[in-house]
Every structure is written in C-alpha cells, then in structure tokens.
Amino acid sequence: QVQLLESGGGLVQAGGSLRLSCAASGSRFSINGMGWYRQAPRKQREMVAGITSGGSTAYANSVKGRFTISRDNAKNTTYLQMNSLKPEDTAVYYCNAAVTVYKTTYNYWGQGTQVTVSS
C-alpha cells in the first residue's frame, strides 16, 4: 500500500506564494510520473502540473510562468512552488502519482490540501 501525504496549503493574499509538498510512503514501490491537480467549487478537477521520473515537466496554460513543479526522487517527494498567486487559483490541490508495485502500475491520489487566495 502506498500513501501520498500533502502539506503546505493555506491562506495567502493575491501576489503571494505557497509551496506544496507531496511525499509518498510505503514499501517496495517505484514512482513514475507525479503531478498536481486542483478542483475549485462547482468545477471539474483539472491538471495543474506534471513531472516525469526523468524530470520533464508540463503545465496548464493558466499557471505557466508562475508555478514550478519539481521532485526529489530520493525522498519520493514532489513539490509545487506557486508564485504570483491569483484568487482564481483558489481550490483544493491534489497530488497524483503513478506508482509501480510488483510490476503493476497504480494511480494514487493524496487527500487534498486547500489553497485560498484572497483579493
């Protein structure tokens, strides 16, 4: 069993910054791609940023130039640095990871962390 534990959400004023972390724990697993998604009230969950095991990244157009995803493979952790935050970034942010356990790949989600940006 693999668990993803997120941290770093909170309340920030527009223009401010936050850093989210997501650590994977368990045994006998390897992590492939990792990513961050978000879901605002009454909206569908959307991809924010993703990173492969080799470090290639992808971003939603709405966050390009403001958010940076990174990962520390030794710690099985991914980070999302969010700068120049806007009220429309307010959402619950979820960590996602494609995890291989005994040659089978599973899709895991974190519990979510609230990010609120005030105007």
PDB file of N, CA and C in Angstrom:
ATOM      1  N   GLN A   1       0.849  -1.191   0.000  1.00  0.00           N
ATOM      2  CA  GLN A   1       0.000   0.000   0.000  1.00  0.00           C
ATOM      3  C   GLN A   1       0.885   1.240   0.000  1.00  0.00           C
ATOM      4  N   VAL A   2       0.545   2.187  -0.853  1.00  0.00           N
ATOM      5  CA  VAL A   2       1.292   3.444  -0.954  1.00  0.00           C
ATOM      6  C   VAL A   2       0.368   4.576  -0.547  1.00  0.00           C
ATOM      7  N   GLN A   3       0.891   5.499   0.213  1.00  0.00           N
ATOM      8  CA  GLN A   3       0.124   6.678   0.604  1.00  0.00           C
ATOM      9  C   GLN A   3       0.832   7.935   0.153  1.00  0.00           C
ATOM     10  N   LEU A   4       0.032   8.928  -0.240  1.00  0.00           N
ATOM     11  CA  LEU A   4       0.558  10.242  -0.599  1.00  0.00           C
ATOM     12  C   LEU A   4       0.097  11.231   0.458  1.00  0.00           C
ATOM     13  N   LEU A   5       1.047  11.927   1.052  1.00  0.00           N
ATOM     14  CA  LEU A   5       0.725  12.891   2.092  1.00  0.00           C
ATOM     15  C   LEU A   5       1.106  14.285   1.629  1.00  0.00           C
ATOM     16  N   GLU A   6       0.101  15.161   1.547  1.00  0.00           N
ATOM     17  CA  GLU A   6       0.330  16.525   1.066  1.00  0.00           C
ATOM     18  C   GLU A   6       0.441  17.483   2.248  1.00  0.00           C
ATOM     19  N   SER A   7       1.136  18.571   2.023  1.00  0.00           N
ATOM     20  CA  SER A   7       1.229  19.628   3.013  1.00  0.00           C
ATOM     21  C   SER A   7       1.540  20.937   2.313  1.00  0.00           C
ATOM     22  N   GLY A   8       1.324  22.044   3.023  1.00  0.00           N
ATOM     23  CA  GLY A   8       1.739  23.337   2.507  1.00  0.00           C
ATOM     24  C   GLY A   8       0.626  24.261   2.062  1.00  0.00           C
ATOM     25  N   GLY A   9      -0.605  23.804   2.082  1.00  0.00           N
ATOM     26  CA  GLY A   9      -1.698  24.694   1.692  1.00  0.00           C
ATOM     27  C   GLY A   9      -1.957  25.750   2.740  1.00  0.00           C
ATOM     28  N   GLY A  10      -2.847  26.683   2.421  1.00  0.00           N
ATOM     29  CA  GLY A  10      -3.179  27.716   3.382  1.00  0.00           C
ATOM     30  C   GLY A  10      -3.835  28.902   2.713  1.00  0.00           C
ATOM     31  N   LEU A  11      -3.878  29.994   3.472  1.00  0.00           N
ATOM     32  CA  LEU A  11      -4.484  31.243   3.017  1.00  0.00           C
ATOM     33  C   LEU A  11      -3.383  32.246   2.714  1.00  0.00           C
ATOM     34  N   VAL A  12      -3.455  32.864   1.550  1.00  0.00           N
ATOM     35  CA  VAL A  12      -2.441  33.834   1.148  1.00  0.00           C
ATOM     36  C   VAL A  12      -3.115  34.954   0.366  1.00  0.00           C
ATOM     37  N   GLN A  13      -2.541  36.128   0.417  1.00  0.00           N
ATOM     38  CA  GLN A  13      -3.059  37.251  -0.361  1.00  0.00           C
ATOM     39  C   GLN A  13      -2.628  37.138  -1.819  1.00  0.00           C
ATOM     40  N   ALA A  14      -3.403  37.743  -2.679  1.00  0.00           N
ATOM     41  CA  ALA A  14      -3.050  37.757  -4.103  1.00  0.00           C
ATOM     42  C   ALA A  14      -1.645  38.334  -4.274  1.00  0.00           C
ATOM     43  N   GLY A  15      -0.884  37.686  -5.134  1.00  0.00           N
ATOM     44  CA  GLY A  15       0.500  38.078  -5.346  1.00  0.00           C
ATOM     45  C   GLY A  15       1.491  37.325  -4.487  1.00  0.00           C
ATOM     46  N   GLY A  16       0.987  36.603  -3.520  1.00  0.00           N
ATOM     47  CA  GLY A  16       1.842  35.862  -2.608  1.00  0.00           C
ATOM     48  C   GLY A  16       2.258  34.508  -3.160  1.00  0.00           C
ATOM     49  N   SER A  17       2.949  33.749  -2.316  1.00  0.00           N
ATOM     50  CA  SER A  17       3.486  32.452  -2.720  1.00  0.00           C
ATOM     51  C   SER A  17       3.167  31.382  -1.689  1.00  0.00           C
ATOM     52  N   LEU A  18       3.086  30.168  -2.181  1.00  0.00           N
ATOM     53  CA  LEU A  18       2.952  28.990  -1.334  1.00  0.00           C
ATOM     54  C   LEU A  18       3.747  27.856  -1.980  1.00  0.00           C
ATOM     55  N   ARG A  19       4.174  26.926  -1.147  1.00  0.00           N
ATOM     56  CA  ARG A  19       4.865  25.740  -1.646  1.00  0.00           C
ATOM     57  C   ARG A  19       4.173  24.504  -1.109  1.00  0.00           C
ATOM     58  N   LEU A  20       3.695  23.684  -2.026  1.00  0.00           N
ATOM     59  CA  LEU A  20       3.054  22.428  -1.651  1.00  0.00           C
ATOM     60  C   LEU A  20       4.065  21.294  -1.740  1.00  0.00           C
ATOM     61  N   SER A  21       3.909  20.332  -0.839  1.00  0.00           N
ATOM     62  CA  SER A  21       4.749  19.136  -0.860  1.00  0.00           C
ATOM     63  C   SER A  21       3.861  17.904  -0.864  1.00  0.00           C
ATOM     64  N   CYS A  22       4.353  16.849  -1.485  1.00  0.00           N
ATOM     65  CA  CYS A  22       3.632  15.585  -1.504  1.00  0.00           C
ATOM     66  C   CYS A  22       4.661  14.466  -1.377  1.00  0.00           C
ATOM     67  N   ALA A  23       4.578  13.732  -0.283  1.00  0.00           N
ATOM     68  CA  ALA A  23       5.525  12.651  -0.027  1.00  0.00           C
ATOM     69  C   ALA A  23       4.826  11.304  -0.133  1.00  0.00           C
ATOM     70  N   ALA A  24       5.434  10.392  -0.856  1.00  0.00           N
ATOM     71  CA  ALA A  24       4.897   9.039  -0.991  1.00  0.00           C
ATOM     72  C   ALA A  24       5.565   8.126   0.030  1.00  0.00           C
ATOM     73  N   SER A  25       4.760   7.296   0.664  1.00  0.00           N
ATOM     74  CA  SER A  25       5.305   6.352   1.637  1.00  0.00           C
ATOM     75  C   SER A  25       4.714   4.972   1.379  1.00  0.00           C
ATOM     76  N   GLY A  26       5.446   3.969   1.784  1.00  0.00           N
ATOM     77  CA  GLY A  26       5.022   2.595   1.575  1.00  0.00           C
ATOM     78  C   GLY A  26       6.247   1.724   1.450  1.00  0.00           C
ATOM     79  N   SER A  27       6.070   0.586   0.825  1.00  0.00           N
ATOM     80  CA  SER A  27       7.217  -0.305   0.671  1.00  0.00           C
ATOM     81  C   SER A  27       7.198  -0.936  -0.715  1.00  0.00           C
ATOM     82  N   ARG A  28       8.397  -1.197  -1.212  1.00  0.00           N
ATOM     83  CA  ARG A  28       8.568  -1.924  -2.473  1.00  0.00           C
ATOM     84  C   ARG A  28       7.790  -1.296  -3.620  1.00  0.00           C
ATOM     85  N   PHE A  29       8.045  -0.032  -3.849  1.00  0.00           N
ATOM     86  CA  PHE A  29       7.374   0.638  -4.948  1.00  0.00           C
ATOM     87  C   PHE A  29       8.352   1.552  -5.660  1.00  0.00           C
ATOM     88  N   SER A  30       8.005   1.905  -6.869  1.00  0.00           N
ATOM     89  CA  SER A  30       8.751   2.928  -7.595  1.00  0.00           C
ATOM     90  C   SER A  30       7.737   3.896  -8.198  1.00  0.00           C
ATOM     91  N   ILE A  31       8.129   5.147  -8.242  1.00  0.00           N
ATOM     92  CA  ILE A  31       7.215   6.178  -8.722  1.00  0.00           C
ATOM     93  C   ILE A  31       7.583   6.572 -10.141  1.00  0.00           C
ATOM     94  N   ASN A  32       6.610   6.616 -10.991  1.00  0.00           N
ATOM     95  CA  ASN A  32       6.803   7.067 -12.362  1.00  0.00           C
ATOM     96  C   ASN A  32       6.470   8.556 -12.425  1.00  0.00           C
ATOM     97  N   GLY A  33       5.422   8.923 -13.115  1.00  0.00           N
ATOM     98  CA  GLY A  33       5.048  10.332 -13.167  1.00  0.00           C
ATOM     99  C   GLY A  33       4.364  10.784 -11.886  1.00  0.00           C
ATOM    100  N   MET A  34       4.533  12.057 -11.584  1.00  0.00           N
ATOM    101  CA  MET A  34       3.840  12.691 -10.460  1.00  0.00           C
ATOM    102  C   MET A  34       3.225  13.982 -10.959  1.00  0.00           C
ATOM    103  N   GLY A  35       2.167  14.410 -10.276  1.00  0.00           N
ATOM    104  CA  GLY A  35       1.533  15.641 -10.734  1.00  0.00           C
ATOM    105  C   GLY A  35       0.647  16.261  -9.687  1.00  0.00           C
ATOM    106  N   TRP A  36       0.218  17.461 -10.000  1.00  0.00           N
ATOM    107  CA  TRP A  36      -0.708  18.198  -9.146  1.00  0.00           C
ATOM    108  C   TRP A  36      -1.958  18.543  -9.944  1.00  0.00           C
ATOM    109  N   TYR A  37      -3.091  18.348  -9.307  1.00  0.00           N
ATOM    110  CA  TYR A  37      -4.374  18.703  -9.873  1.00  0.00           C
ATOM    111  C   TYR A  37      -5.072  19.632  -8.884  1.00  0.00           C
ATOM    112  N   ARG A  38      -6.091  20.312  -9.363  1.00  0.00           N
ATOM    113  CA  ARG A  38      -6.864  21.145  -8.442  1.00  0.00           C
ATOM    114  C   ARG A  38      -8.335  21.116  -8.823  1.00  0.00           C
ATOM    115  N   GLN A  39      -9.161  21.352  -7.816  1.00  0.00           N
ATOM    116  CA  GLN A  39     -10.596  21.387  -8.038  1.00  0.00           C
ATOM    117  C   GLN A  39     -11.195  22.529  -7.248  1.00  0.00           C
ATOM    118  N   ALA A  40     -11.743  23.486  -7.973  1.00  0.00           N
ATOM    119  CA  ALA A  40     -12.426  24.612  -7.360  1.00  0.00           C
ATOM    120  C   ALA A  40     -13.901  24.249  -7.188  1.00  0.00           C
ATOM    121  N   PRO A  41     -14.602  24.948  -6.297  1.00  0.00           N
ATOM    122  CA  PRO A  41     -16.027  24.669  -6.091  1.00  0.00           C
ATOM    123  C   PRO A  41     -16.807  24.745  -7.401  1.00  0.00           C
ATOM    124  N   ARG A  42     -17.621  23.742  -7.626  1.00  0.00           N
ATOM    125  CA  ARG A  42     -18.526  23.679  -8.798  1.00  0.00           C
ATOM    126  C   ARG A  42     -17.751  23.573 -10.122  1.00  0.00           C
ATOM    127  N   LYS A  43     -16.503  23.156 -10.050  1.00  0.00           N
ATOM    128  CA  LYS A  43     -15.716  22.969 -11.271  1.00  0.00           C
ATOM    129  C   LYS A  43     -15.119  21.575 -11.279  1.00  0.00           C
ATOM    130  N   GLN A  44     -14.747  21.138 -12.477  1.00  0.00           N
ATOM    131  CA  GLN A  44     -14.110  19.839 -12.602  1.00  0.00           C
ATOM    132  C   GLN A  44     -12.658  19.911 -12.165  1.00  0.00           C
ATOM    133  N   ARG A  45     -12.153  18.760 -11.747  1.00  0.00           N
ATOM    134  CA  ARG A  45     -10.736  18.693 -11.390  1.00  0.00           C
ATOM    135  C   ARG A  45      -9.904  18.886 -12.653  1.00  0.00           C
ATOM    136  N   GLU A  46      -8.853  19.682 -12.546  1.00  0.00           N
ATOM    137  CA  GLU A  46      -8.002  19.966 -13.696  1.00  0.00           C
ATOM    138  C   GLU A  46      -6.543  19.744 -13.355  1.00  0.00           C
ATOM    139  N   MET A  47      -5.764  19.372 -14.365  1.00  0.00           N
ATOM    140  CA  MET A  47      -4.335  19.185 -14.172  1.00  0.00           C
ATOM    141  C   MET A  47      -3.664  20.536 -14.068  1.00  0.00           C
ATOM    142  N   VAL A  48      -2.769  20.669 -13.121  1.00  0.00           N
ATOM    143  CA  VAL A  48      -2.014  21.901 -12.931  1.00  0.00           C
ATOM    144  C   VAL A  48      -0.598  21.751 -13.468  1.00  0.00           C
ATOM    145  N   ALA A  49       0.070  20.683 -13.043  1.00  0.00           N
ATOM    146  CA  ALA A  49       1.457  20.463 -13.458  1.00  0.00           C
ATOM    147  C   ALA A  49       1.798  18.998 -13.300  1.00  0.00           C
ATOM    148  N   GLY A  50       2.721  18.525 -14.127  1.00  0.00           N
ATOM    149  CA  GLY A  50       3.163  17.149 -14.048  1.00  0.00           C
ATOM    150  C   GLY A  50       4.652  17.046 -14.284  1.00  0.00           C
ATOM    151  N   ILE A  51       5.238  15.989 -13.756  1.00  0.00           N
ATOM    152  CA  ILE A  51       6.673  15.775 -13.918  1.00  0.00           C
ATOM    153  C   ILE A  51       6.940  14.287 -14.046  1.00  0.00           C
ATOM    154  N   THR A  52       7.766  13.922 -15.017  1.00  0.00           N
ATOM    155  CA  THR A  52       8.106  12.514 -15.226  1.00  0.00           C
ATOM    156  C   THR A  52       9.246  12.108 -14.292  1.00  0.00           C
ATOM    157  N   SER A  53       9.533  10.815 -14.275  1.00  0.00           N
ATOM    158  CA  SER A  53      10.639  10.334 -13.447  1.00  0.00           C
ATOM    159  C   SER A  53      11.972  10.907 -13.919  1.00  0.00           C
ATOM    160  N   GLY A  54      12.037  11.273 -15.192  1.00  0.00           N
ATOM    161  CA  GLY A  54      13.260  11.853 -15.718  1.00  0.00           C
ATOM    162  C   GLY A  54      13.348  13.355 -15.563  1.00  0.00           C
ATOM    163  N   GLY A  55      12.278  13.976 -15.059  1.00  0.00           N
ATOM    164  CA  GLY A  55      12.316  15.406 -14.793  1.00  0.00           C
ATOM    165  C   GLY A  55      11.659  16.286 -15.839  1.00  0.00           C
ATOM    166  N   SER A  56      11.069  15.697 -16.872  1.00  0.00           N
ATOM    167  CA  SER A  56      10.340  16.512 -17.847  1.00  0.00           C
ATOM    168  C   SER A  56       9.051  17.019 -17.220  1.00  0.00           C
ATOM    169  N   THR A  57       8.717  18.269 -17.529  1.00  0.00           N
ATOM    170  CA  THR A  57       7.572  18.899 -16.887  1.00  0.00           C
ATOM    171  C   THR A  57       6.546  19.380 -17.900  1.00  0.00           C
ATOM    172  N   ALA A  58       5.321  19.554 -17.418  1.00  0.00           N
ATOM    173  CA  ALA A  58       4.236  20.106 -18.219  1.00  0.00           C
ATOM    174  C   ALA A  58       3.346  20.920 -17.298  1.00  0.00           C
ATOM    175  N   TYR A  59       2.768  21.986 -17.835  1.00  0.00           N
ATOM    176  CA  TYR A  59       1.952  22.888 -17.038  1.00  0.00           C
ATOM    177  C   TYR A  59       0.664  23.259 -17.763  1.00  0.00           C
ATOM    178  N   ALA A  60      -0.360  23.528 -16.986  1.00  0.00           N
ATOM    179  CA  ALA A  60      -1.559  24.129 -17.548  1.00  0.00           C
ATOM    180  C   ALA A  60      -1.215  25.545 -17.984  1.00  0.00           C
ATOM    181  N   ASN A  61      -1.852  26.007 -19.040  1.00  0.00           N
ATOM    182  CA  ASN A  61      -1.557  27.352 -19.545  1.00  0.00           C
ATOM    183  C   ASN A  61      -1.791  28.418 -18.473  1.00  0.00           C
ATOM    184  N   SER A  62      -2.771  28.183 -17.626  1.00  0.00           N
ATOM    185  CA  SER A  62      -3.146  29.188 -16.627  1.00  0.00           C
ATOM    186  C   SER A  62      -2.080  29.403 -15.556  1.00  0.00           C
ATOM    187  N   VAL A  63      -1.135  28.473 -15.434  1.00  0.00           N
ATOM    188  CA  VAL A  63      -0.125  28.606 -14.366  1.00  0.00           C
ATOM    189  C   VAL A  63       1.294  28.728 -14.908  1.00  0.00           C
ATOM    190  N   LYS A  64       1.462  28.627 -16.209  1.00  0.00           N
ATOM    191  CA  LYS A  64       2.801  28.724 -16.791  1.00  0.00           C
ATOM    192  C   LYS A  64       3.463  30.038 -16.420  1.00  0.00           C
ATOM    193  N   GLY A  65       4.717  29.946 -16.009  1.00  0.00           N
ATOM    194  CA  GLY A  65       5.458  31.133 -15.622  1.00  0.00           C
ATOM    195  C   GLY A  65       5.251  31.534 -14.171  1.00  0.00           C
ATOM    196  N   ARG A  66       4.266  30.925 -13.502  1.00  0.00           N
ATOM    197  CA  ARG A  66       4.008  31.260 -12.088  1.00  0.00           C
ATOM    198  C   ARG A  66       4.259  30.070 -11.167  1.00  0.00           C
ATOM    199  N   PHE A  67       3.972  28.871 -11.645  1.00  0.00           N
ATOM    200  CA  PHE A  67       4.123  27.657 -10.834  1.00  0.00           C
ATOM    201  C   PHE A  67       5.311  26.850 -11.346  1.00  0.00           C
ATOM    202  N   THR A  68       5.975  26.172 -10.430  1.00  0.00           N
ATOM    203  CA  THR A  68       7.090  25.291 -10.791  1.00  0.00           C
ATOM    204  C   THR A  68       6.951  23.974 -10.049  1.00  0.00           C
ATOM    205  N   ILE A  69       6.952  22.889 -10.806  1.00  0.00           N
ATOM    206  CA  ILE A  69       6.901  21.560 -10.200  1.00  0.00           C
ATOM    207  C   ILE A  69       8.311  20.982 -10.180  1.00  0.00           C
ATOM    208  N   SER A  70       8.617  20.269  -9.119  1.00  0.00           N
ATOM    209  CA  SER A  70       9.917  19.610  -9.011  1.00  0.00           C
ATOM    210  C   SER A  70       9.732  18.321  -8.206  1.00  0.00           C
ATOM    211  N   ARG A  71      10.769  17.513  -8.167  1.00  0.00           N
ATOM    212  CA  ARG A  71      10.686  16.287  -7.393  1.00  0.00           C
ATOM    213  C   ARG A  71      12.049  15.897  -6.866  1.00  0.00           C
ATOM    214  N   ASP A  72      12.027  15.210  -5.739  1.00  0.00           N
ATOM    215  CA  ASP A  72      13.230  14.656  -5.139  1.00  0.00           C
ATOM    216  C   ASP A  72      13.025  13.151  -5.115  1.00  0.00           C
ATOM    217  N   ASN A  73      13.637  12.461  -6.063  1.00  0.00           N
ATOM    218  CA  ASN A  73      13.409  11.024  -6.188  1.00  0.00           C
ATOM    219  C   ASN A  73      13.898  10.250  -4.965  1.00  0.00           C
ATOM    220  N   ALA A  74      14.955  10.733  -4.336  1.00  0.00           N
ATOM    221  CA  ALA A  74      15.481  10.053  -3.150  1.00  0.00           C
ATOM    222  C   ALA A  74      14.487  10.092  -1.997  1.00  0.00           C
ATOM    223  N   LYS A  75      13.658  11.130  -1.977  1.00  0.00           N
ATOM    224  CA  LYS A  75      12.673  11.294  -0.900  1.00  0.00           C
ATOM    225  C   LYS A  75      11.262  10.923  -1.349  1.00  0.00           C
ATOM    226  N   ASN A  76      11.127  10.489  -2.608  1.00  0.00           N
ATOM    227  CA  ASN A  76       9.797  10.168  -3.154  1.00  0.00           C
ATOM    228  C   ASN A  76       8.824  11.318  -2.935  1.00  0.00           C
ATOM    229  N   THR A  77       9.287  12.513  -3.209  1.00  0.00           N
ATOM    230  CA  THR A  77       8.508  13.723  -2.909  1.00  0.00           C
ATOM    231  C   THR A  77       8.461  14.626  -4.132  1.00  0.00           C
ATOM    232  N   THR A  78       7.303  15.226  -4.343  1.00  0.00           N
ATOM    233  CA  THR A  78       7.173  16.243  -5.363  1.00  0.00           C
ATOM    234  C   THR A  78       6.739  17.545  -4.713  1.00  0.00           C
ATOM    235  N   TYR A  79       7.132  18.642  -5.326  1.00  0.00           N
ATOM    236  CA  TYR A  79       6.838  19.966  -4.801  1.00  0.00           C
ATOM    237  C   TYR A  79       6.144  20.795  -5.871  1.00  0.00           C
ATOM    238  N   LEU A  80       5.326  21.735  -5.418  1.00  0.00           N
ATOM    239  CA  LEU A  80       4.735  22.706  -6.329  1.00  0.00           C
ATOM    240  C   LEU A  80       4.951  24.090  -5.729  1.00  0.00           C
ATOM    241  N   GLN A  81       5.854  24.836  -6.325  1.00  0.00           N
ATOM    242  CA  GLN A  81       6.095  26.207  -5.907  1.00  0.00           C
ATOM    243  C   GLN A  81       5.136  27.102  -6.670  1.00  0.00           C
ATOM    244  N   MET A  82       4.317  27.830  -5.939  1.00  0.00           N
ATOM    245  CA  MET A  82       3.292  28.672  -6.554  1.00  0.00           C
ATOM    246  C   MET A  82       3.580  30.133  -6.221  1.00  0.00           C
ATOM    247  N   ASN A  83       3.891  30.907  -7.240  1.00  0.00           N
ATOM    248  CA  ASN A  83       4.181  32.331  -7.077  1.00  0.00           C
ATOM    249  C   ASN A  83       3.123  33.166  -7.781  1.00  0.00           C
ATOM    250  N   SER A  84       3.075  34.432  -7.437  1.00  0.00           N
ATOM    251  CA  SER A  84       2.126  35.366  -8.065  1.00  0.00           C
ATOM    252  C   SER A  84       0.717  34.791  -8.055  1.00  0.00           C
ATOM    253  N   LEU A  85       0.312  34.315  -6.907  1.00  0.00           N
ATOM    254  CA  LEU A  85      -0.990  33.655  -6.805  1.00  0.00           C
ATOM    255  C   LEU A  85      -2.128  34.632  -7.057  1.00  0.00           C
ATOM    256  N   LYS A  86      -3.185  34.092  -7.664  1.00  0.00           N
ATOM    257  CA  LYS A  86      -4.366  34.871  -8.005  1.00  0.00           C
ATOM    258  C   LYS A  86      -5.586  34.262  -7.309  1.00  0.00           C
ATOM    259  N   PRO A  87      -6.624  35.040  -7.094  1.00  0.00           N
ATOM    260  CA  PRO A  87      -7.839  34.472  -6.477  1.00  0.00           C
ATOM    261  C   PRO A  87      -8.378  33.267  -7.236  1.00  0.00           C
ATOM    262  N   GLU A  88      -8.208  33.258  -8.544  1.00  0.00           N
ATOM    263  CA  GLU A  88      -8.711  32.121  -9.324  1.00  0.00           C
ATOM    264  C   GLU A  88      -7.889  30.851  -9.131  1.00  0.00           C
ATOM    265  N   ASP A  89      -6.793  30.936  -8.411  1.00  0.00           N
ATOM    266  CA  ASP A  89      -6.023  29.739  -8.055  1.00  0.00           C
ATOM    267  C   ASP A  89      -6.614  29.037  -6.831  1.00  0.00           C
ATOM    268  N   THR A  90      -7.594  29.659  -6.212  1.00  0.00           N
ATOM    269  CA  THR A  90      -8.228  29.059  -5.044  1.00  0.00           C
ATOM    270  C   THR A  90      -8.875  27.738  -5.406  1.00  0.00           C
ATOM    271  N   ALA A  91      -8.502  26.681  -4.688  1.00  0.00           N
ATOM    272  CA  ALA A  91      -9.001  25.336  -4.976  1.00  0.00           C
ATOM    273  C   ALA A  91      -8.426  24.366  -3.952  1.00  0.00           C
ATOM    274  N   VAL A  92      -8.935  23.147  -3.987  1.00  0.00           N
ATOM    275  CA  VAL A  92      -8.279  22.052  -3.280  1.00  0.00           C
ATOM    276  C   VAL A  92      -7.268  21.441  -4.248  1.00  0.00           C
ATOM    277  N   TYR A  93      -6.038  21.350  -3.824  1.00  0.00           N
ATOM    278  CA  TYR A  93      -4.970  20.817  -4.658  1.00  0.00           C
ATOM    279  C   TYR A  93      -4.676  19.372  -4.260  1.00  0.00           C
ATOM    280  N   TYR A  94      -4.635  18.518  -5.264  1.00  0.00           N
ATOM    281  CA  TYR A  94      -4.420  17.091  -5.053  1.00  0.00           C
ATOM    282  C   TYR A  94      -3.125  16.647  -5.717  1.00  0.00           C
ATOM    283  N   CYS A  95      -2.386  15.835  -5.005  1.00  0.00           N
ATOM    284  CA  CYS A  95      -1.197  15.202  -5.551  1.00  0.00           C
ATOM    285  C   CYS A  95      -1.600  13.889  -6.215  1.00  0.00           C
ATOM    286  N   ASN A  96      -0.938  13.568  -7.303  1.00  0.00           N
ATOM    287  CA  ASN A  96      -1.208  12.331  -8.022  1.00  0.00           C
ATOM    288  C   ASN A  96       0.114  11.668  -8.375  1.00  0.00           C
ATOM    289  N   ALA A  97       0.132  10.344  -8.300  1.00  0.00           N
ATOM    290  CA  ALA A  97       1.352   9.624  -8.656  1.00  0.00           C
ATOM    291  C   ALA A  97       1.014   8.301  -9.309  1.00  0.00           C
ATOM    292  N   ALA A  98       1.761   7.973 -10.342  1.00  0.00           N
ATOM    293  CA  ALA A  98       1.689   6.657 -10.965  1.00  0.00           C
ATOM    294  C   ALA A  98       2.765   5.800 -10.320  1.00  0.00           C
ATOM    295  N   VAL A  99       2.337   4.785  -9.600  1.00  0.00           N
ATOM    296  CA  VAL A  99       3.243   4.001  -8.768  1.00  0.00           C
ATOM    297  C   VAL A  99       3.249   2.547  -9.224  1.00  0.00           C
ATOM    298  N   THR A 100       4.426   2.003  -9.395  1.00  0.00           N
ATOM    299  CA  THR A 100       4.563   0.604  -9.781  1.00  0.00           C
ATOM    300  C   THR A 100       4.895  -0.238  -8.560  1.00  0.00           C
ATOM    301  N   VAL A 101       4.067  -1.245  -8.344  1.00  0.00           N
ATOM    302  CA  VAL A 101       4.255  -2.184  -7.240  1.00  0.00           C
ATOM    303  C   VAL A 101       4.212  -3.587  -7.830  1.00  0.00           C
ATOM    304  N   TYR A 102       5.309  -4.312  -7.695  1.00  0.00           N
ATOM    305  CA  TYR A 102       5.374  -5.679  -8.235  1.00  0.00           C
ATOM    306  C   TYR A 102       4.924  -5.734  -9.697  1.00  0.00           C
ATOM    307  N   LYS A 103       5.454  -4.856 -10.507  1.00  0.00           N
ATOM    308  CA  LYS A 103       5.247  -4.819 -11.957  1.00  0.00           C
ATOM    309  C   LYS A 103       3.856  -4.354 -12.378  1.00  0.00           C
ATOM    310  N   THR A 104       3.033  -3.925 -11.466  1.00  0.00           N
ATOM    311  CA  THR A 104       1.721  -3.372 -11.796  1.00  0.00           C
ATOM    312  C   THR A 104       1.698  -1.903 -11.415  1.00  0.00           C
ATOM    313  N   THR A 105       1.209  -1.062 -12.313  1.00  0.00           N
ATOM    314  CA  THR A 105       1.168   0.382 -12.061  1.00  0.00           C
ATOM    315  C   THR A 105      -0.213   0.796 -11.594  1.00  0.00           C
ATOM    316  N   TYR A 106      -0.237   1.547 -10.518  1.00  0.00           N
ATOM    317  CA  TYR A 106      -1.476   2.043  -9.935  1.00  0.00           C
ATOM    318  C   TYR A 106      -1.442   3.565  -9.919  1.00  0.00           C
ATOM    319  N   ASN A 107      -2.619   4.146  -9.889  1.00  0.00           N
ATOM    320  CA  ASN A 107      -2.765   5.598  -9.826  1.00  0.00           C
ATOM    321  C   ASN A 107      -3.215   5.970  -8.415  1.00  0.00           C
ATOM    322  N   TYR A 108      -2.410   6.739  -7.729  1.00  0.00           N
ATOM    323  CA  TYR A 108      -2.719   7.128  -6.356  1.00  0.00           C
ATOM    324  C   TYR A 108      -2.994   8.626  -6.273  1.00  0.00           C
ATOM    325  N   TRP A 109      -3.876   8.971  -5.313  1.00  0.00           N
ATOM    326  CA  TRP A 109      -4.204  10.374  -5.052  1.00  0.00           C
ATOM    327  C   TRP A 109      -3.955  10.703  -3.588  1.00  0.00           C
ATOM    328  N   GLY A 110      -3.534  11.927  -3.345  1.00  0.00           N
ATOM    329  CA  GLY A 110      -3.454  12.422  -1.987  1.00  0.00           C
ATOM    330  C   GLY A 110      -4.825  12.858  -1.499  1.00  0.00           C
ATOM    331  N   GLN A 111      -4.883  13.287  -0.241  1.00  0.00           N
ATOM    332  CA  GLN A 111      -6.164  13.646   0.364  1.00  0.00           C
ATOM    333  C   GLN A 111      -6.603  15.060  -0.007  1.00  0.00           C
ATOM    334  N   GLY A 112      -5.697  15.833  -0.541  1.00  0.00           N
ATOM    335  CA  GLY A 112      -6.018  17.200  -0.935  1.00  0.00           C
ATOM    336  C   GLY A 112      -5.617  18.208   0.124  1.00  0.00           C
ATOM    337  N   THR A 113      -5.203  19.375  -0.326  1.00  0.00           N
ATOM    338  CA  THR A 113      -4.872  20.468   0.578  1.00  0.00           C
ATOM    339  C   THR A 113      -5.484  21.757   0.031  1.00  0.00           C
ATOM    340  N   GLN A 114      -6.107  22.517   0.905  1.00  0.00           N
ATOM    341  CA  GLN A 114      -6.826  23.725   0.489  1.00  0.00           C
ATOM    342  C   GLN A 114      -5.861  24.883   0.278  1.00  0.00           C
ATOM    343  N   VAL A 115      -6.004  25.543  -0.856  1.00  0.00           N
ATOM    344  CA  VAL A 115      -5.290  26.783  -1.133  1.00  0.00           C
ATOM    345  C   VAL A 115      -6.330  27.871  -1.363  1.00  0.00           C
ATOM    346  N   THR A 116      -6.243  28.922  -0.580  1.00  0.00           N
ATOM    347  CA  THR A 116      -7.176  30.039  -0.694  1.00  0.00           C
ATOM    348  C   THR A 116      -6.397  31.316  -0.916  1.00  0.00           C
ATOM    349  N   VAL A 117      -6.717  32.011  -1.998  1.00  0.00           N
ATOM    350  CA  VAL A 117      -6.035  33.256  -2.340  1.00  0.00           C
ATOM    351  C   VAL A 117      -7.052  34.390  -2.230  1.00  0.00           C
ATOM    352  N   SER A 118      -6.787  35.309  -1.336  1.00  0.00           N
ATOM    353  CA  SER A 118      -7.694  36.432  -1.132  1.00  0.00           C
ATOM    354  C   SER A 118      -7.283  37.612  -2.006  1.00  0.00           C
ATOM    355  N   SER A 119      -8.278  38.370  -2.420  1.00  0.00           N
ATOM    356  CA  SER A 119      -8.003  39.528  -3.298  1.00  0.00           C
ATOM    357  C   SER A 119      -7.747  40.788  -2.493  1.00  0.00           C
TER     358      SER A 119
END
